[in-house]
Amino acid sequence: MASSHNAASSLIQAIDHIPQGVAVFDAGMHLVASNQRYNSLLALPEDLARAGTPLFDIAIFLGDRGDFGPGDPAGLAIERIKRITGAPNSVTQRVGDSGQSLEFYSSRLPDGGLVISVADVTARVHAEQELERVNQTLEGRVAERTAALTRVNAELETARAKADAANHDKTRFLAAASHDLLQPLNAARLYTSTLIERAKSTGLADLANSIEASLTAVEDIMSALLDISRIDSGALRPNPAPVTARELLRKIEVEFGPMARERNISLRIVPTAATVLADRTLVGRIVQNLVSNAIKYTMPGGKVLVGLRRRGARLRLDVIDTGIGFNRDQHRLLFAEFSRLERGARMAQGLGLGLSIVQRLVAALGLSLEVDSQERRGSRFSLYLPITRPSRTAEETGPVAPETSFTTLDLKVLCVDNERAILEAMDGLLSHWGCDVRGALSLKQIDRERLLEGWYPDLVLMDYHLDQTSGLDAIEWLRHNLGAHLPAALVTADRSAAVRALAEDRGIPVITKPVKPAALRALISGMASQSGRTVKRAG
């Protein structure tokens, strides 16, 4: 108890040094702690600044004092509380008791609590008002304009720092929002994949493929915008580690093989046993963008080659195509945002963000990229990676099973996801592949409905963000009850490096949403082979 009290005291002393006012409330909306700046900006009496004070009591006090304007204080207090607790985040401004402009930022905590920060932005508001007045009367007042601009510049520097902070907040928001955005897209992709397989050789095949192409375009745009936001805000933190070149290239055939075959393009991946020092996720993203572009801008019957060559103390990862190419004068346009060469724009849809992301990632990782191209003859994009000694982890990493021609998996698959639409879509796709599928929204449903009585799954496909626990903990629970060697994979819209690292620490493979059917089928086949299960092939 003493250590907890000391920790709380240390926390309060620490937040007293923050220039903004800060208050934290628990899930019952009772004050946990607040700093002196918060109490002074709101001019709270001492009895309302004590731990345990209800948020409603503070709001009633402010309403009685007139801080919320004219009207019934209780009604105004209730409305104010609804406003700051009704959404995950909110930003509001109002006039304080002393006439100062106060800006409030509220954010709900994962446990249901609330944190509120308040800042005195009077100087900024006055600067904005002054700037507006100066702009309205600018003519004929050069001397006054010079003085005003000097003051404004100082304010703008402060505003710039706040804008940078807001940009980081935006990135955090996008990272959280991306999960909710990708969930319905994932369900749509799964439904469409089932439709495509069932519509083969029918009049609906072209329509199903068109829907799939549109969903792919949406996914590409969302991924590109999220990547640019994370890079520009500095949210990406490279984590280089020894990784085999095979590991970097392991998903290229699975992910882009079907696309290349559909376009009648030869995609060749040259294997190598070398080990490089690289951030597997970020370098993988670079290679994915380069290979995607190579296939998009290569005519049917052309070739795309991906491989590595030793160049001194580095490996040169080449993506070579026989595509449309470009001349030297067009080189600078390649990496500009929303810029596409005229001939390329006619060949493939897109926003022109792929190479812009590549350039940003290369810079963030401190690597170098070399480009060589001849118009109408093809291009070579080369990424240089430092060579290192192989680690045990890198050596033990096996290749992903390539896409196979089987149509019947004959496996019992347990799917757990907190989105019912995704469970239904996954059931449709896996059942079409010959699987016996059972789905659940949570571990409680599995236990309540006794889904595993007399039915032992061959493998588990688990969402990460469940309502009561994480997918990784849910997998541990299943293994504890069904057997430690139960094959399981994480299927998640969370693309953060932290989640991937947690999964890798437990030896659990990860596949990101929206799920690509070819990648999912290859993963399931590989897991079944490793567990000793056989896959029935059609014919």
Protein backbone atom coordinates (compact mmCIF):
# COMPACT_ATOMS: atom_id res chain seq x y z
CA MET A 1 0.00 0.00 0.00
CA ALA A 2 2.82 2.36 0.83
CA SER A 3 4.50 1.76 -2.50
CA SER A 4 1.18 2.40 -4.32
CA HIS A 5 0.71 5.64 -2.38
CA ASN A 6 4.27 6.70 -3.18
CA ALA A 7 3.75 5.89 -6.86
CA ALA A 8 0.56 7.96 -6.93
CA SER A 9 2.32 10.84 -5.18
CA SER A 10 5.18 10.66 -7.67
CA LEU A 11 2.70 10.70 -10.54
CA ILE A 12 0.94 13.78 -9.18
CA GLN A 13 4.29 15.55 -8.64
CA ALA A 14 5.32 14.65 -12.19
CA ILE A 15 2.18 15.99 -13.88
CA ASP A 16 2.47 19.20 -11.87
CA HIS A 17 5.41 20.04 -14.14
CA ILE A 18 3.30 19.76 -17.30
CA PRO A 19 2.37 23.22 -18.68
CA GLN A 20 -1.17 22.04 -19.47
CA GLY A 21 -3.79 21.21 -16.91
CA VAL A 22 -4.36 17.46 -16.61
CA ALA A 23 -7.05 15.48 -14.79
CA VAL A 24 -7.72 11.74 -14.82
CA PHE A 25 -11.10 10.19 -13.95
CA ASP A 26 -11.87 6.50 -13.40
CA ALA A 27 -14.60 4.50 -15.17
CA GLY A 28 -17.13 5.76 -12.60
CA MET A 29 -16.18 9.35 -13.51
CA HIS A 30 -14.54 10.04 -10.14
CA LEU A 31 -11.36 12.11 -9.98
CA VAL A 32 -8.20 10.01 -9.69
CA ALA A 33 -5.66 12.83 -9.83
CA SER A 34 -5.23 16.35 -11.20
CA ASN A 35 -2.30 18.75 -11.36
CA GLN A 36 -2.09 22.27 -9.96
CA ARG A 37 -2.35 23.80 -13.45
CA TYR A 38 -5.73 22.11 -14.00
CA ASN A 39 -7.05 23.30 -10.64
CA SER A 40 -5.84 26.87 -11.19
CA LEU A 41 -7.10 27.17 -14.80
CA LEU A 42 -10.57 26.08 -13.65
CA ALA A 43 -10.23 27.99 -10.36
CA LEU A 44 -11.51 24.96 -8.44
CA PRO A 45 -11.88 25.12 -4.67
CA GLU A 46 -9.73 22.71 -2.69
CA ASP A 47 -12.57 20.35 -1.80
CA LEU A 48 -13.36 19.73 -5.50
CA ALA A 49 -9.71 18.99 -6.36
CA ARG A 50 -9.53 15.99 -4.03
CA ALA A 51 -9.30 12.42 -5.36
CA GLY A 52 -12.70 10.75 -5.49
CA THR A 53 -14.65 13.90 -6.42
CA PRO A 54 -17.37 13.06 -9.00
CA LEU A 55 -17.03 14.77 -12.36
CA PHE A 56 -20.67 15.82 -12.01
CA ASP A 57 -19.90 17.82 -8.84
CA ILE A 58 -17.14 19.72 -10.68
CA ALA A 59 -19.46 20.36 -13.64
CA ILE A 60 -22.29 21.60 -11.35
CA PHE A 61 -19.85 24.01 -9.67
CA LEU A 62 -18.74 25.40 -13.03
CA GLY A 63 -22.38 25.62 -14.22
CA ASP A 64 -23.43 27.53 -11.08
CA ARG A 65 -20.51 29.91 -11.60
CA GLY A 66 -21.66 30.62 -15.17
CA ASP A 67 -18.74 29.00 -16.99
CA PHE A 68 -21.14 27.19 -19.35
CA GLY A 69 -23.25 30.25 -20.10
CA PRO A 70 -26.83 31.16 -19.18
CA GLY A 71 -29.36 28.45 -18.40
CA ASP A 72 -30.12 25.73 -15.88
CA PRO A 73 -26.74 24.81 -14.24
CA ALA A 74 -27.67 21.13 -13.81
CA GLY A 75 -28.82 20.79 -17.41
CA LEU A 76 -25.73 22.58 -18.69
CA ALA A 77 -23.49 20.36 -16.52
CA ILE A 78 -25.12 17.17 -17.86
CA GLU A 79 -24.81 18.40 -21.44
CA ARG A 80 -21.13 19.24 -20.90
CA ILE A 81 -20.38 15.77 -19.48
CA LYS A 82 -22.16 14.09 -22.40
CA ARG A 83 -20.11 16.12 -24.83
CA ILE A 84 -16.71 15.17 -23.41
CA THR A 85 -17.55 11.51 -22.68
CA GLY A 86 -19.78 10.65 -25.63
CA ALA A 87 -16.94 10.21 -28.13
CA PRO A 88 -13.48 8.60 -27.92
CA ASN A 89 -11.88 12.04 -28.32
CA SER A 90 -13.19 15.60 -28.28
CA VAL A 91 -11.70 19.09 -28.53
CA THR A 92 -13.63 22.11 -27.27
CA GLN A 93 -12.98 25.75 -26.44
CA ARG A 94 -14.71 28.10 -24.01
CA VAL A 95 -14.05 31.23 -21.97
CA GLY A 96 -12.67 30.67 -18.50
CA ASP A 97 -13.67 32.27 -15.20
CA SER A 98 -11.05 35.00 -15.68
CA GLY A 99 -11.99 35.68 -19.29
CA GLN A 100 -9.16 33.62 -20.77
CA SER A 101 -9.66 31.27 -23.75
CA LEU A 102 -9.39 27.65 -22.63
CA GLU A 103 -9.01 24.65 -24.94
CA PHE A 104 -10.06 21.22 -23.62
CA TYR A 105 -8.96 17.86 -25.03
CA SER A 106 -10.73 14.80 -23.64
CA SER A 107 -9.98 11.17 -24.41
CA ARG A 108 -11.65 7.98 -23.18
CA LEU A 109 -9.29 5.39 -21.70
CA PRO A 110 -9.41 1.65 -22.54
CA ASP A 111 -10.78 0.86 -19.08
CA GLY A 112 -13.68 3.33 -19.50
CA GLY A 113 -11.99 6.17 -17.66
CA LEU A 114 -11.38 9.69 -18.95
CA VAL A 115 -8.38 12.00 -19.23
CA ILE A 116 -8.88 15.73 -19.72
CA SER A 117 -6.18 18.24 -20.59
CA VAL A 118 -6.77 21.98 -20.63
CA ALA A 119 -4.52 24.73 -21.99
CA ASP A 120 -4.72 28.51 -21.90
CA VAL A 121 -4.76 29.45 -25.62
CA THR A 122 -5.58 33.10 -25.07
CA ALA A 123 -2.39 34.22 -26.77
CA ARG A 124 -3.10 32.10 -29.81
CA VAL A 125 -6.71 33.27 -30.08
CA HIS A 126 -5.63 36.87 -29.73
CA ALA A 127 -2.97 36.30 -32.37
CA GLU A 128 -5.58 34.86 -34.76
CA GLN A 129 -7.91 37.79 -34.11
CA GLU A 130 -5.11 40.25 -34.57
CA LEU A 131 -4.02 38.59 -37.80
CA GLU A 132 -7.58 38.81 -39.14
CA ARG A 133 -7.82 42.50 -38.22
CA VAL A 134 -4.47 43.25 -39.82
CA ASN A 135 -5.47 41.43 -43.00
CA GLN A 136 -8.65 43.50 -43.24
CA THR A 137 -6.80 46.82 -42.94
CA LEU A 138 -3.52 45.88 -44.56
CA GLU A 139 -3.40 48.54 -47.36
CA GLY A 140 -1.62 51.73 -46.41
CA ARG A 141 -0.32 50.34 -43.11
CA VAL A 142 3.03 48.86 -44.06
CA ALA A 143 4.72 49.85 -40.81
CA GLU A 144 1.93 48.38 -38.68
CA ARG A 145 1.93 45.25 -40.84
CA THR A 146 5.65 44.70 -40.20
CA ALA A 147 5.17 44.91 -36.45
CA ALA A 148 2.10 42.66 -36.57
CA LEU A 149 3.88 40.06 -38.67
CA THR A 150 6.71 39.94 -36.16
CA ARG A 151 4.25 39.14 -33.41
CA VAL A 152 2.34 36.69 -35.58
CA ASN A 153 5.49 34.85 -36.57
CA ALA A 154 6.22 34.18 -32.94
CA GLU A 155 2.69 32.88 -32.45
CA LEU A 156 2.91 30.79 -35.60
CA GLU A 157 6.02 29.07 -34.29
CA THR A 158 4.04 28.06 -31.22
CA ALA A 159 1.14 27.02 -33.41
CA ARG A 160 3.50 24.97 -35.58
CA ALA A 161 4.68 23.03 -32.56
CA LYS A 162 1.05 22.37 -31.62
CA ALA A 163 0.29 21.36 -35.20
CA ASP A 164 3.12 18.82 -35.04
CA ALA A 165 1.63 17.42 -31.87
CA ALA A 166 -1.79 17.32 -33.52
CA ASN A 167 -0.25 15.46 -36.44
CA HIS A 168 1.02 12.78 -34.08
CA ASP A 169 -2.47 12.58 -32.56
CA LYS A 170 -3.91 12.21 -36.06
CA THR A 171 -1.53 9.33 -36.77
CA ARG A 172 -2.52 7.57 -33.57
CA PHE A 173 -6.16 8.07 -34.49
CA LEU A 174 -5.61 6.70 -38.00
CA ALA A 175 -3.85 3.65 -36.60
CA ALA A 176 -6.83 2.95 -34.34
CA ALA A 177 -9.42 3.81 -36.99
CA SER A 178 -7.75 1.63 -39.61
CA HIS A 179 -8.85 -1.46 -37.69
CA ASP A 180 -12.51 -0.48 -37.90
CA LEU A 181 -12.14 0.59 -41.54
CA LEU A 182 -10.48 -2.64 -42.62
CA GLN A 183 -12.93 -4.96 -40.82
CA PRO A 184 -15.90 -4.50 -43.22
CA LEU A 185 -13.50 -4.45 -46.17
CA ASN A 186 -12.11 -7.78 -45.01
CA ALA A 187 -15.60 -9.32 -44.87
CA ALA A 188 -16.35 -7.99 -48.35
CA ARG A 189 -13.12 -9.44 -49.74
CA LEU A 190 -13.91 -12.88 -48.25
CA TYR A 191 -17.46 -12.86 -49.59
CA THR A 192 -16.19 -11.79 -53.02
CA SER A 193 -13.54 -14.52 -53.06
CA THR A 194 -16.24 -17.12 -52.44
CA LEU A 195 -18.37 -15.56 -55.17
CA ILE A 196 -15.46 -15.61 -57.64
CA GLU A 197 -14.78 -19.31 -57.05
CA ARG A 198 -18.46 -20.24 -57.34
CA ALA A 199 -19.05 -18.01 -60.38
CA LYS A 200 -16.32 -19.57 -62.52
CA SER A 201 -17.52 -20.41 -66.02
CA THR A 202 -20.77 -18.49 -65.43
CA GLY A 203 -22.04 -15.12 -66.59
CA LEU A 204 -21.33 -13.69 -63.13
CA ALA A 205 -17.57 -14.32 -63.30
CA ASP A 206 -16.72 -10.95 -64.89
CA LEU A 207 -18.94 -9.10 -62.40
CA ALA A 208 -17.36 -10.89 -59.43
CA ASN A 209 -13.85 -10.11 -60.70
CA SER A 210 -14.79 -6.45 -61.19
CA ILE A 211 -16.00 -6.24 -57.58
CA GLU A 212 -12.75 -7.87 -56.42
CA ALA A 213 -10.69 -5.35 -58.43
CA SER A 214 -12.62 -2.43 -56.90
CA LEU A 215 -12.14 -3.74 -53.36
CA THR A 216 -8.43 -4.24 -54.05
CA ALA A 217 -8.19 -0.63 -55.23
CA VAL A 218 -9.87 0.60 -52.03
CA GLU A 219 -7.49 -1.48 -49.91
CA ASP A 220 -4.45 -0.18 -51.81
CA ILE A 221 -5.55 3.45 -51.36
CA MET A 222 -6.25 3.01 -47.63
CA SER A 223 -2.94 1.25 -47.05
CA ALA A 224 -1.05 3.91 -48.99
CA LEU A 225 -2.62 6.81 -47.10
CA LEU A 226 -2.01 5.13 -43.73
CA ASP A 227 1.61 4.40 -44.67
CA ILE A 228 2.25 8.02 -45.74
CA SER A 229 0.66 9.34 -42.55
CA ARG A 230 2.79 7.06 -40.35
CA ILE A 231 5.99 7.88 -42.22
CA ASP A 232 5.52 11.66 -42.33
CA SER A 233 4.61 11.87 -38.65
CA GLY A 234 7.65 9.84 -37.58
CA ALA A 235 5.42 7.13 -36.10
CA LEU A 236 7.34 4.42 -37.94
CA ARG A 237 10.22 3.14 -35.84
CA PRO A 238 12.59 0.92 -37.85
CA ASN A 239 13.58 -2.26 -36.05
CA PRO A 240 16.41 -3.83 -38.09
CA ALA A 241 17.34 -7.41 -37.25
CA PRO A 242 19.04 -10.33 -39.02
CA VAL A 243 16.62 -11.84 -41.51
CA THR A 244 17.17 -14.26 -44.36
CA ALA A 245 16.65 -12.93 -47.86
CA ARG A 246 14.29 -15.87 -48.32
CA GLU A 247 12.17 -14.46 -45.49
CA LEU A 248 11.94 -11.07 -47.24
CA LEU A 249 10.78 -12.70 -50.46
CA ARG A 250 8.66 -15.48 -48.95
CA LYS A 251 5.29 -13.80 -49.56
CA ILE A 252 5.96 -12.40 -53.03
CA GLU A 253 5.03 -15.57 -54.92
CA VAL A 254 1.92 -16.17 -52.80
CA GLU A 255 0.71 -12.56 -52.97
CA PHE A 256 1.60 -11.67 -56.55
CA GLY A 257 1.69 -15.08 -58.28
CA PRO A 258 -2.07 -15.08 -59.05
CA MET A 259 -1.92 -11.47 -60.28
CA ALA A 260 1.00 -12.25 -62.59
CA ARG A 261 -0.62 -15.40 -63.97
CA GLU A 262 -3.88 -13.56 -64.59
CA ARG A 263 -1.98 -10.99 -66.67
CA ASN A 264 0.06 -13.71 -68.41
CA ILE A 265 3.30 -12.37 -66.93
CA SER A 266 6.20 -14.60 -65.85
CA LEU A 267 7.08 -13.85 -62.21
CA ARG A 268 10.38 -15.44 -61.16
CA ILE A 269 11.71 -15.31 -57.58
CA VAL A 270 15.41 -16.22 -57.35
CA PRO A 271 16.14 -17.96 -54.01
CA THR A 272 19.20 -17.11 -51.92
CA ALA A 273 20.52 -18.20 -48.52
CA ALA A 274 22.09 -14.85 -47.59
CA THR A 275 21.11 -12.97 -44.43
CA VAL A 276 20.64 -9.19 -44.30
CA LEU A 277 20.15 -6.63 -41.54
CA ALA A 278 16.71 -5.18 -42.20
CA ASP A 279 13.33 -4.29 -40.78
CA ARG A 280 11.37 -7.22 -42.20
CA THR A 281 8.00 -5.42 -42.24
CA LEU A 282 9.14 -2.11 -43.73
CA VAL A 283 11.55 -3.59 -46.28
CA GLY A 284 8.85 -6.09 -47.17
CA ARG A 285 6.51 -3.18 -47.84
CA ILE A 286 9.10 -1.65 -50.20
CA VAL A 287 9.49 -4.91 -52.13
CA GLN A 288 5.71 -5.37 -52.32
CA ASN A 289 5.25 -1.91 -53.84
CA LEU A 290 8.07 -2.44 -56.34
CA VAL A 291 6.82 -5.86 -57.46
CA SER A 292 3.22 -4.61 -57.67
CA ASN A 293 4.32 -1.74 -59.92
CA ALA A 294 6.45 -4.04 -62.07
CA ILE A 295 3.49 -6.35 -62.75
CA LYS A 296 1.04 -3.49 -63.32
CA TYR A 297 3.20 -1.80 -65.93
CA THR A 298 4.40 -4.89 -67.80
CA MET A 299 2.47 -5.97 -70.89
CA PRO A 300 1.00 -9.51 -71.10
CA GLY A 301 3.70 -11.99 -72.07
CA GLY A 302 6.36 -9.97 -70.25
CA LYS A 303 8.64 -10.96 -67.38
CA VAL A 304 9.32 -9.81 -63.81
CA LEU A 305 12.41 -11.03 -61.94
CA VAL A 306 13.06 -10.60 -58.21
CA GLY A 307 16.42 -11.60 -56.75
CA LEU A 308 19.51 -10.52 -54.83
CA ARG A 309 23.15 -10.07 -55.85
CA ARG A 310 26.17 -9.46 -53.64
CA ARG A 311 27.78 -6.05 -54.05
CA GLY A 312 30.70 -5.69 -51.61
CA ALA A 313 29.40 -5.61 -48.04
CA ARG A 314 25.82 -5.25 -49.24
CA LEU A 315 23.19 -7.22 -51.09
CA ARG A 316 21.42 -5.58 -54.01
CA LEU A 317 17.76 -6.59 -54.13
CA ASP A 318 16.63 -6.22 -57.75
CA VAL A 319 13.11 -5.96 -59.11
CA ILE A 320 13.51 -6.16 -62.89
CA ASP A 321 10.70 -6.02 -65.46
CA THR A 322 10.26 -5.90 -69.22
CA GLY A 323 7.56 -3.25 -68.87
CA ILE A 324 6.91 0.15 -70.44
CA GLY A 325 9.94 1.82 -68.81
CA PHE A 326 10.59 5.57 -68.79
CA ASN A 327 13.22 8.02 -69.93
CA ARG A 328 15.66 10.02 -67.79
CA ASP A 329 13.57 13.19 -67.98
CA GLN A 330 10.65 11.38 -66.32
CA HIS A 331 12.71 10.05 -63.40
CA ARG A 332 11.81 12.85 -60.99
CA LEU A 333 8.08 12.49 -61.68
CA LEU A 334 8.13 8.84 -60.59
CA PHE A 335 8.46 9.61 -56.89
CA ALA A 336 6.11 12.62 -56.75
CA GLU A 337 2.81 12.10 -54.94
CA PHE A 338 -0.26 11.68 -57.16
CA SER A 339 1.98 11.86 -60.24
CA ARG A 340 1.75 9.17 -62.90
CA LEU A 341 3.29 8.89 -66.34
CA GLU A 342 0.72 9.18 -69.11
CA ARG A 343 1.26 5.72 -70.57
CA GLY A 344 1.25 4.10 -67.12
CA ALA A 345 -2.02 5.82 -66.21
CA ARG A 346 -3.62 4.25 -69.28
CA MET A 347 -2.42 0.76 -68.27
CA ALA A 348 -3.44 0.62 -64.59
CA GLN A 349 -5.60 2.42 -62.07
CA GLY A 350 -4.13 4.08 -58.99
CA LEU A 351 -3.27 7.31 -57.24
CA GLY A 352 0.45 7.32 -57.96
CA LEU A 353 1.41 6.82 -54.31
CA GLY A 354 3.35 3.53 -54.47
CA LEU A 355 6.78 4.90 -55.36
CA SER A 356 6.26 7.92 -53.10
CA ILE A 357 5.84 5.48 -50.21
CA VAL A 358 8.91 3.54 -51.37
CA GLN A 359 11.03 6.71 -51.36
CA ARG A 360 9.79 7.68 -47.88
CA LEU A 361 10.48 4.20 -46.47
CA VAL A 362 13.95 4.06 -48.03
CA ALA A 363 14.77 7.43 -46.41
CA ALA A 364 13.31 6.39 -43.04
CA LEU A 365 15.40 3.20 -43.05
CA GLY A 366 18.61 4.96 -44.16
CA LEU A 367 18.92 2.74 -47.24
CA SER A 368 19.63 3.59 -50.86
CA LEU A 369 17.57 2.90 -53.96
CA GLU A 370 18.93 2.76 -57.50
CA VAL A 371 16.77 3.13 -60.61
CA ASP A 372 17.68 2.22 -64.19
CA SER A 373 15.19 2.18 -67.05
CA GLN A 374 14.81 2.37 -70.80
CA GLU A 375 11.58 3.49 -72.36
CA ARG A 376 9.60 0.57 -73.86
CA ARG A 377 12.29 -1.92 -72.72
CA GLY A 378 11.79 -2.19 -68.97
CA SER A 379 13.11 -1.05 -65.61
CA ARG A 380 15.32 -2.15 -62.72
CA PHE A 381 14.72 -0.92 -59.17
CA SER A 382 17.55 -1.94 -56.81
CA LEU A 383 17.48 -1.69 -53.02
CA TYR A 384 20.82 -2.05 -51.19
CA LEU A 385 20.76 -3.96 -47.88
CA PRO A 386 23.63 -4.61 -45.44
CA ILE A 387 24.75 -8.23 -45.09
CA THR A 388 25.03 -9.74 -41.62
CA ARG A 389 25.60 -13.11 -40.01
CA PRO A 390 22.55 -15.36 -39.87
CA SER A 391 20.78 -15.57 -36.53
CA ARG A 392 19.19 -18.73 -35.17
CA THR A 393 15.75 -17.22 -35.68
CA ALA A 394 16.50 -16.35 -39.28
CA GLU A 395 17.94 -19.79 -40.00
CA GLU A 396 14.95 -21.58 -38.53
CA THR A 397 12.38 -19.63 -40.49
CA GLY A 398 10.89 -21.93 -43.10
CA PRO A 399 9.41 -20.91 -46.41
CA VAL A 400 5.72 -20.35 -46.82
CA ALA A 401 4.06 -23.06 -48.82
CA PRO A 402 3.40 -21.76 -52.33
CA GLU A 403 -0.09 -21.47 -53.70
CA THR A 404 -1.30 -24.89 -54.68
CA SER A 405 -3.99 -26.18 -56.98
CA PHE A 406 -5.99 -28.04 -54.33
CA THR A 407 -9.66 -27.35 -53.90
CA THR A 408 -10.40 -29.59 -50.92
CA LEU A 409 -8.65 -28.98 -47.60
CA ASP A 410 -10.65 -31.48 -45.47
CA LEU A 411 -9.72 -29.68 -42.24
CA LYS A 412 -11.62 -28.72 -39.11
CA VAL A 413 -11.12 -24.98 -38.66
CA LEU A 414 -12.17 -22.88 -35.67
CA CYS A 415 -12.61 -19.16 -36.52
CA VAL A 416 -12.88 -16.59 -33.74
CA ASP A 417 -13.68 -12.96 -34.61
CA ASN A 418 -15.80 -10.31 -32.90
CA GLU A 419 -17.40 -9.36 -36.24
CA ARG A 420 -20.26 -11.68 -37.23
CA ALA A 421 -20.02 -10.68 -40.92
CA ILE A 422 -16.38 -11.79 -41.02
CA LEU A 423 -17.24 -15.13 -39.44
CA GLU A 424 -19.98 -15.70 -42.01
CA ALA A 425 -17.69 -14.71 -44.89
CA MET A 426 -14.84 -16.89 -43.60
CA ASP A 427 -17.24 -19.80 -43.17
CA GLY A 428 -18.41 -19.43 -46.78
CA LEU A 429 -14.88 -19.35 -48.18
CA LEU A 430 -13.42 -22.17 -46.06
CA SER A 431 -16.49 -24.37 -46.50
CA HIS A 432 -16.11 -23.99 -50.26
CA TRP A 433 -12.55 -25.26 -49.85
CA GLY A 434 -13.89 -28.37 -48.10
CA CYS A 435 -13.33 -27.35 -44.47
CA ASP A 436 -15.57 -28.16 -41.52
CA VAL A 437 -15.86 -24.67 -40.00
CA ARG A 438 -17.11 -23.52 -36.61
CA GLY A 439 -17.14 -19.85 -35.69
CA ALA A 440 -17.43 -17.91 -32.45
CA LEU A 441 -17.49 -14.27 -31.45
CA SER A 442 -15.64 -14.93 -28.18
CA LEU A 443 -14.24 -17.57 -25.85
CA LYS A 444 -17.40 -17.22 -23.77
CA GLN A 445 -19.51 -18.29 -26.74
CA ILE A 446 -17.25 -21.31 -27.32
CA ASP A 447 -17.71 -22.33 -23.69
CA ARG A 448 -21.41 -21.44 -23.46
CA GLU A 449 -22.44 -23.26 -26.66
CA ARG A 450 -19.97 -26.13 -26.10
CA LEU A 451 -18.66 -25.77 -29.63
CA LEU A 452 -15.67 -28.02 -28.98
CA GLU A 453 -17.51 -30.97 -27.44
CA GLY A 454 -16.70 -33.97 -29.63
CA TRP A 455 -15.07 -31.72 -32.20
CA TYR A 456 -11.31 -31.06 -32.15
CA PRO A 457 -10.08 -28.38 -34.59
CA ASP A 458 -7.09 -29.04 -36.83
CA LEU A 459 -6.22 -25.35 -36.64
CA VAL A 460 -7.50 -22.00 -35.31
CA LEU A 461 -7.83 -18.66 -37.13
CA MET A 462 -7.99 -16.01 -34.40
CA ASP A 463 -8.76 -12.28 -34.53
CA TYR A 464 -6.50 -10.11 -32.34
CA HIS A 465 -8.93 -7.46 -31.04
CA LEU A 466 -11.59 -9.47 -29.21
CA ASP A 467 -14.11 -7.90 -26.84
CA GLN A 468 -12.82 -9.41 -23.60
CA THR A 469 -9.25 -10.43 -24.35
CA SER A 470 -6.55 -10.39 -26.98
CA GLY A 471 -6.38 -13.05 -29.66
CA LEU A 472 -2.96 -14.17 -28.45
CA ASP A 473 -4.27 -14.81 -24.95
CA ALA A 474 -7.29 -16.58 -26.44
CA ILE A 475 -4.95 -18.91 -28.37
CA GLU A 476 -3.08 -19.68 -25.13
CA TRP A 477 -6.41 -20.51 -23.45
CA LEU A 478 -7.37 -22.88 -26.28
CA ARG A 479 -3.97 -24.56 -26.19
CA HIS A 480 -4.23 -24.97 -22.43
CA ASN A 481 -7.58 -26.73 -22.86
CA LEU A 482 -7.05 -28.59 -26.16
CA GLY A 483 -3.31 -29.22 -26.34
CA ALA A 484 -0.15 -27.15 -26.49
CA HIS A 485 0.54 -28.05 -30.13
CA LEU A 486 -2.78 -26.77 -31.54
CA PRO A 487 -1.85 -24.91 -34.80
CA ALA A 488 -3.11 -21.32 -34.73
CA ALA A 489 -2.70 -18.12 -36.73
CA LEU A 490 -3.56 -14.51 -35.97
CA VAL A 491 -5.84 -12.84 -38.54
CA THR A 492 -5.91 -9.13 -37.74
CA ALA A 493 -6.42 -5.64 -39.15
CA ASP A 494 -3.82 -4.35 -36.66
CA ARG A 495 -0.67 -3.86 -38.75
CA SER A 496 1.50 -2.52 -35.96
CA ALA A 497 4.99 -3.90 -35.44
CA ALA A 498 4.18 -4.42 -31.75
CA VAL A 499 1.42 -6.95 -32.43
CA ARG A 500 3.56 -8.78 -35.00
CA ALA A 501 6.45 -8.96 -32.51
CA LEU A 502 4.19 -10.35 -29.77
CA ALA A 503 2.92 -13.02 -32.16
CA GLU A 504 6.42 -13.95 -33.32
CA ASP A 505 7.57 -14.30 -29.70
CA ARG A 506 4.88 -17.00 -29.28
CA GLY A 507 5.56 -18.62 -32.66
CA ILE A 508 2.17 -17.65 -34.08
CA PRO A 509 2.01 -16.62 -37.76
CA VAL A 510 0.17 -13.42 -38.69
CA ILE A 511 -1.97 -12.67 -41.74
CA THR A 512 -3.34 -9.14 -42.09
CA LYS A 513 -6.81 -8.07 -43.06
CA PRO A 514 -8.18 -7.62 -45.67
CA VAL A 515 -7.23 -11.26 -46.18
CA LYS A 516 -5.98 -12.30 -49.59
CA PRO A 517 -7.46 -15.77 -50.28
CA ALA A 518 -4.26 -17.07 -51.93
CA ALA A 519 -2.20 -16.07 -48.88
CA LEU A 520 -4.78 -17.56 -46.52
CA ARG A 521 -4.91 -20.83 -48.45
CA ALA A 522 -1.12 -21.07 -48.51
CA LEU A 523 -0.94 -20.38 -44.76
CA ILE A 524 -3.56 -23.03 -43.96
CA SER A 525 -1.84 -25.56 -46.23
CA GLY A 526 1.52 -24.88 -44.60
CA MET A 527 0.11 -25.18 -41.07
CA ALA A 528 -1.66 -28.42 -41.99
CA SER A 529 1.54 -29.88 -43.45
CA GLN A 530 3.58 -28.94 -40.37
CA SER A 531 1.01 -30.59 -38.08
CA GLY A 532 1.05 -33.79 -40.15
CA ARG A 533 -2.36 -33.31 -41.73
CA THR A 534 -2.78 -34.19 -45.41
CA VAL A 535 -4.60 -32.06 -47.91
CA LYS A 536 -6.90 -33.72 -50.43
CA ARG A 537 -6.41 -32.47 -53.96
CA ALA A 538 -9.15 -32.21 -56.51
CA GLY A 539 -9.13 -34.90 -59.16
